[in-house]
Each structure stands twice: as C-alpha cells, then as structure tokens.
C-alpha cells in the first residue's frame, strides 16, 4: 500500500532567492528591449518591404 505525504507547508520550496529575482527582472528588461528594437527597425521599412515579409503597418504594434 502506498502512502502519500500531504502535510507539507504551502511555502516549502518557494523561498526568496535574490539571484532568481534579479535574473527574472533582467530577462524581462532584455525581452522588452528586443521587442522595442524590432518595432523600431520594422517602422523604418516601407509598406512594400513589410508586404514582402508578410506584415502590415498595423502588425508592428503587436510585436
């Protein structure tokens, strides 16, 4: 017969880790900056160039 432990604390394994917090924040900032740079580069393209890559001007804001 198998027995499962069900009396663990809810916070077990969820301890505060400053390194993980910093890594997540840095990752979010880098992802935001990548999206910003992509939008900026796409906004310099002409409508014809955007059409060639399958985008329209309205698609840029969703990137």
Protein backbone atom coordinates (compact mmCIF):
# COMPACT_ATOMS: atom_id res chain seq x y z
CA UNK A 1 0.00 0.00 0.00
CA UNK A 2 1.36 3.44 -0.93
CA UNK A 3 1.32 6.39 1.42
CA UNK A 4 1.49 9.99 0.19
CA UNK A 5 2.70 12.82 2.37
CA UNK A 6 0.04 15.57 2.32
CA UNK A 7 1.08 17.71 5.26
CA UNK A 8 3.78 19.80 3.54
CA UNK A 9 3.83 23.55 4.10
CA UNK A 10 2.48 25.60 1.21
CA UNK A 11 5.67 27.69 1.06
CA UNK A 12 8.01 24.72 1.04
CA UNK A 13 10.42 25.14 -1.87
CA UNK A 14 9.28 28.71 -2.52
CA UNK A 15 11.96 30.54 -0.62
CA UNK A 16 13.05 34.04 -1.59
CA UNK A 17 16.12 34.00 -3.80
CA UNK A 18 17.53 37.42 -4.80
CA UNK A 19 19.55 35.90 -7.64
CA UNK A 20 16.46 34.37 -9.23
CA UNK A 21 14.55 37.61 -8.80
CA UNK A 22 17.36 39.62 -10.43
CA UNK A 23 17.60 37.08 -13.28
CA UNK A 24 13.87 37.30 -13.97
CA UNK A 25 13.89 41.11 -13.93
CA UNK A 26 16.96 41.25 -16.19
CA UNK A 27 15.35 38.76 -18.59
CA UNK A 28 12.14 40.80 -18.73
CA UNK A 29 14.08 44.01 -19.43
CA UNK A 30 16.11 42.33 -22.19
CA UNK A 31 12.97 40.87 -23.79
CA UNK A 32 11.27 44.29 -23.66
CA UNK A 33 14.32 45.92 -25.26
CA UNK A 34 14.44 43.28 -28.02
CA UNK A 35 10.78 43.94 -28.85
CA UNK A 36 11.39 47.70 -28.81
CA UNK A 37 14.32 47.41 -31.19
CA UNK A 38 12.35 45.13 -33.51
CA UNK A 39 9.43 47.58 -33.63
CA UNK A 40 11.83 50.44 -34.33
CA UNK A 41 13.54 48.57 -37.17
CA UNK A 42 10.24 47.48 -38.72
CA UNK A 43 8.84 51.00 -38.55
CA UNK A 44 11.63 52.21 -40.85
CA UNK A 45 10.60 49.78 -43.61
CA UNK A 46 8.35 50.82 -46.48
CA UNK A 47 4.91 49.29 -47.00
CA UNK A 48 6.31 47.24 -49.89
CA UNK A 49 9.14 45.86 -47.75
CA UNK A 50 6.71 44.97 -44.98
CA UNK A 51 4.47 43.24 -47.51
CA UNK A 52 7.46 41.21 -48.72
CA UNK A 53 7.92 39.75 -45.24
CA UNK A 54 4.18 39.25 -44.72
CA UNK A 55 3.49 42.15 -42.35
CA UNK A 56 1.48 45.32 -42.44
CA UNK A 57 1.99 48.59 -40.61
CA UNK A 58 -0.65 47.54 -38.04
CA UNK A 59 1.25 44.35 -37.21
CA UNK A 60 4.23 46.31 -35.90
CA UNK A 61 2.43 47.44 -32.74
CA UNK A 62 1.68 43.83 -31.81
CA UNK A 63 5.33 42.83 -31.75
